[in-house]
Amino acid sequence: MSVVSRRTVVPLLLVLVVVAGIGLYLFQPWKAFTATTVNEALPTASAPEVKDGRQMKGNDGMRGGGPSMTSTRPENLAEGRFVTHEHGTSGTARTVRLADGGQVLRLEDLKTSEGPDVRVYLSSRAADAAKAGLGDGAVALGKLKGNLGNQNYTVPAGTDLSKFRSVVIWCERFSVSFGAADLAPASG
C-alpha cells in the first residue's frame, strides 16, 4: 500500500469507527431484540381507623394497644387503553388514589418496544394529539421500568390529575411517542 493510500484509509477508518459508535449509542439497536418484564403489585396503604369522626389511638376501646389500622381499597380515578404511535403499544393506564391520599399511575398488561431513554408522562393533550408532542405542562413520572408487564409510577404530591388527558410513553432521545392512553373518569 502506498503512503498516500494509508494517509487516506486510516483517517477514513477512524471516522467510520466514531460514526458507528455514535450510531450504536443513539439507536441502541440491540433493544429491538430484548424485553424487560416488570410485574409490580398495586401499592396498598393503610389508613387509620376513624370512629365517630375521630381517629382511634392507643387503647381507645381496644385491647392490645397501638392504633387500629384498617386497609382501605385504592380508588380508581381514571383509566384508558393505549393506542400505538411510533411503536406497537397496548395495555391499560389508570390513575389510582391510595388510602393515604397518595396518587399512582398504574400501567397494566403493557406491551411496547424497548428503546433508548423511554419515559412515562402525564400530558394535557389527548392521546392522538400527543403523537405530535407532549404539550405544555406535561409531568414526567420517570423512566419506563420495563416494556412488558404491570408497573406503578408515583404521581408527585399536589398534582391535579383532572388537568391531564393522557398518559404517554415517550422517547426522550428521539422526541417521539411510542403510544398513549386517553384518561377517562373510571366507572364505578
Protein backbone atom coordinates (compact mmCIF):
# COMPACT_ATOMS: atom_id res chain seq x y z
CA MET A 1 0.00 0.00 0.00
CA SER A 2 1.40 3.39 -0.87
CA VAL A 3 1.93 6.18 1.64
CA VAL A 4 -0.87 8.23 0.07
CA SER A 5 -3.33 5.36 0.46
CA ARG A 6 -2.51 4.90 4.14
CA ARG A 7 -2.96 8.62 4.77
CA THR A 8 -6.42 8.37 3.26
CA VAL A 9 -7.56 4.98 4.55
CA VAL A 10 -6.55 5.29 8.23
CA PRO A 11 -8.43 8.56 8.89
CA LEU A 12 -11.41 7.25 6.94
CA LEU A 13 -11.48 4.10 9.09
CA LEU A 14 -11.22 6.19 12.26
CA VAL A 15 -14.15 8.35 11.13
CA LEU A 16 -16.21 5.23 10.35
CA VAL A 17 -15.48 3.76 13.79
CA VAL A 18 -16.52 7.01 15.51
CA VAL A 19 -19.71 7.29 13.42
CA ALA A 20 -20.57 3.64 14.14
CA GLY A 21 -20.03 4.21 17.88
CA ILE A 22 -22.29 7.26 17.87
CA GLY A 23 -24.92 5.36 15.88
CA LEU A 24 -24.86 2.46 18.34
CA TYR A 25 -25.15 4.86 21.29
CA LEU A 26 -28.07 6.78 19.80
CA PHE A 27 -30.10 3.94 18.32
CA GLN A 28 -29.20 1.07 20.67
CA PRO A 29 -30.31 -1.46 18.01
CA TRP A 30 -29.94 -4.43 20.38
CA LYS A 31 -33.06 -3.20 22.20
CA ALA A 32 -35.09 -4.38 19.21
CA PHE A 33 -34.24 -7.90 20.35
CA THR A 34 -34.61 -7.52 24.14
CA ALA A 35 -37.51 -7.20 26.55
CA THR A 36 -37.80 -6.20 30.19
CA THR A 37 -40.79 -7.52 32.13
CA VAL A 38 -41.90 -5.80 35.33
CA ASN A 39 -44.73 -7.16 37.48
CA GLU A 40 -45.34 -4.86 40.43
CA ALA A 41 -48.38 -5.21 42.66
CA LEU A 42 -50.61 -2.20 43.14
CA PRO A 43 -49.34 -0.40 46.23
CA THR A 44 -51.58 -0.58 49.25
CA ALA A 45 -51.66 1.80 52.14
CA SER A 46 -53.36 1.57 55.47
CA ALA A 47 -55.43 4.41 56.77
CA PRO A 48 -56.08 4.98 60.47
CA GLU A 49 -59.48 3.74 61.58
CA VAL A 50 -61.94 6.58 62.10
CA LYS A 51 -64.82 6.23 64.56
CA ASP A 52 -67.33 8.93 65.44
CA GLY A 53 -65.36 11.48 63.42
CA ARG A 54 -62.09 10.95 65.29
CA GLN A 55 -59.05 8.80 64.66
CA MET A 56 -58.73 5.88 67.07
CA LYS A 57 -55.48 5.93 69.06
CA GLY A 58 -53.76 3.77 71.63
CA ASN A 59 -56.22 1.84 73.77
CA ASP A 60 -59.35 3.76 72.71
CA GLY A 61 -61.74 0.87 73.25
CA MET A 62 -59.25 -1.72 72.02
CA ARG A 63 -57.14 -4.37 73.67
CA GLY A 64 -53.53 -4.81 72.75
CA GLY A 65 -52.71 -1.09 72.45
CA GLY A 66 -51.46 0.74 69.40
CA PRO A 67 -53.55 2.46 66.76
CA SER A 68 -56.04 0.45 64.77
CA MET A 69 -55.15 0.31 61.10
CA THR A 70 -57.74 -0.65 58.54
CA SER A 71 -56.74 -1.48 54.99
CA THR A 72 -58.74 0.62 52.55
CA ARG A 73 -59.08 -0.25 48.88
CA PRO A 74 -57.45 2.09 46.39
CA GLU A 75 -59.85 4.28 44.41
CA ASN A 76 -59.68 4.22 40.60
CA LEU A 77 -59.78 7.81 39.35
CA ALA A 78 -59.35 7.49 35.58
CA GLU A 79 -58.35 4.88 33.04
CA GLY A 80 -57.77 4.28 29.36
CA ARG A 81 -56.34 1.88 26.77
CA PHE A 82 -53.10 2.55 24.95
CA VAL A 83 -53.05 3.29 21.24
CA THR A 84 -49.98 2.82 19.04
CA HIS A 85 -47.96 5.75 17.76
CA GLU A 86 -44.36 5.07 16.62
CA HIS A 87 -44.10 1.58 18.14
CA GLY A 88 -46.76 -1.06 18.77
CA THR A 89 -48.15 -0.28 22.23
CA SER A 90 -51.06 -1.85 24.11
CA GLY A 91 -52.32 -2.19 27.67
CA THR A 92 -54.19 -0.07 30.17
CA ALA A 93 -53.23 3.04 32.12
CA ARG A 94 -55.12 4.03 35.24
CA THR A 95 -54.71 6.60 37.94
CA VAL A 96 -55.37 5.47 41.50
CA ARG A 97 -55.76 7.26 44.82
CA LEU A 98 -54.34 5.26 47.71
CA ALA A 99 -55.86 5.20 51.20
CA ASP A 100 -53.14 7.54 52.47
CA GLY A 101 -54.08 10.11 49.78
CA GLY A 102 -51.10 9.40 47.53
CA GLN A 103 -51.70 9.03 43.80
CA VAL A 104 -50.22 6.42 41.50
CA LEU A 105 -50.24 5.87 37.76
CA ARG A 106 -50.54 2.14 37.08
CA LEU A 107 -49.71 0.56 33.72
CA GLU A 108 -51.28 -2.87 33.33
CA ASP A 109 -50.58 -5.52 30.71
CA LEU A 110 -48.25 -3.06 28.99
CA LYS A 111 -46.66 -4.22 25.76
CA THR A 112 -44.40 -1.83 23.87
CA SER A 113 -40.88 -1.69 22.46
CA GLU A 114 -37.73 -1.05 24.40
CA GLY A 115 -35.82 2.00 23.38
CA PRO A 116 -33.22 4.47 24.49
CA ASP A 117 -34.35 6.88 27.22
CA VAL A 118 -38.06 5.98 27.24
CA ARG A 119 -40.13 7.78 29.89
CA VAL A 120 -43.68 7.97 31.21
CA TYR A 121 -45.54 11.31 31.13
CA LEU A 122 -48.90 12.76 32.01
CA SER A 123 -49.99 15.11 29.22
CA SER A 124 -52.71 17.74 28.89
CA ARG A 125 -53.14 16.62 25.27
CA ALA A 126 -55.42 13.82 24.12
CA ALA A 127 -53.68 10.58 23.13
CA ASP A 128 -53.97 11.26 19.38
CA ALA A 129 -52.53 14.79 19.75
CA ALA A 130 -49.68 13.53 21.95
CA LYS A 131 -48.21 11.87 18.87
CA ALA A 132 -47.07 15.36 17.84
CA GLY A 133 -45.66 16.25 21.28
CA LEU A 134 -46.34 16.27 25.00
CA GLY A 135 -47.74 19.81 25.17
CA ASP A 136 -47.26 22.44 27.88
CA GLY A 137 -47.19 21.38 31.50
CA ALA A 138 -46.52 17.68 30.92
CA VAL A 139 -45.42 15.89 34.10
CA ALA A 140 -42.57 13.36 33.94
CA LEU A 141 -43.20 10.33 36.15
CA GLY A 142 -39.91 8.58 35.48
CA LYS A 143 -38.09 6.21 33.15
CA LEU A 144 -40.13 3.32 31.80
CA LYS A 145 -39.32 0.43 34.16
CA GLY A 146 -39.95 -2.26 31.57
CA ASN A 147 -41.60 -2.62 28.20
CA LEU A 148 -43.80 -5.52 29.35
CA GLY A 149 -45.99 -6.11 32.39
CA ASN A 150 -47.52 -4.16 35.26
CA GLN A 151 -45.84 -1.17 36.88
CA ASN A 152 -46.53 1.79 39.15
CA TYR A 153 -45.35 5.39 39.00
CA THR A 154 -45.81 7.79 41.90
CA VAL A 155 -47.63 10.97 40.90
CA PRO A 156 -45.94 13.98 42.54
CA ALA A 157 -47.82 15.33 45.56
CA GLY A 158 -50.05 18.26 44.67
CA THR A 159 -50.56 17.18 41.05
CA ASP A 160 -54.14 17.84 39.93
CA LEU A 161 -54.86 14.78 37.79
CA SER A 162 -58.02 16.36 36.38
CA LYS A 163 -55.77 18.65 34.27
CA PHE A 164 -54.26 15.73 32.35
CA ARG A 165 -55.94 13.97 29.45
CA SER A 166 -53.48 11.20 28.64
CA VAL A 167 -50.53 9.06 29.64
CA VAL A 168 -47.70 8.98 27.10
CA ILE A 169 -44.80 6.55 26.65
CA TRP A 170 -42.23 8.99 25.27
CA CYS A 171 -38.73 8.50 23.86
CA GLU A 172 -36.67 11.50 25.00
CA ARG A 173 -33.77 10.74 22.69
CA PHE A 174 -35.84 11.00 19.50
CA SER A 175 -38.81 13.08 20.77
CA VAL A 176 -41.40 10.52 19.68
CA SER A 177 -44.36 8.90 21.36
CA PHE A 178 -44.34 5.11 21.38
CA GLY A 179 -48.02 5.16 22.39
CA ALA A 180 -50.55 6.96 24.59
CA ALA A 181 -53.75 6.32 26.52
CA ASP A 182 -56.61 8.78 27.00
CA LEU A 183 -57.67 9.03 30.65
CA ALA A 184 -61.43 8.96 31.17
CA PRO A 185 -63.11 9.01 34.60
CA ALA A 186 -63.24 5.48 36.00
CA SER A 187 -66.65 3.86 36.12
CA GLY A 188 -67.91 2.51 39.41
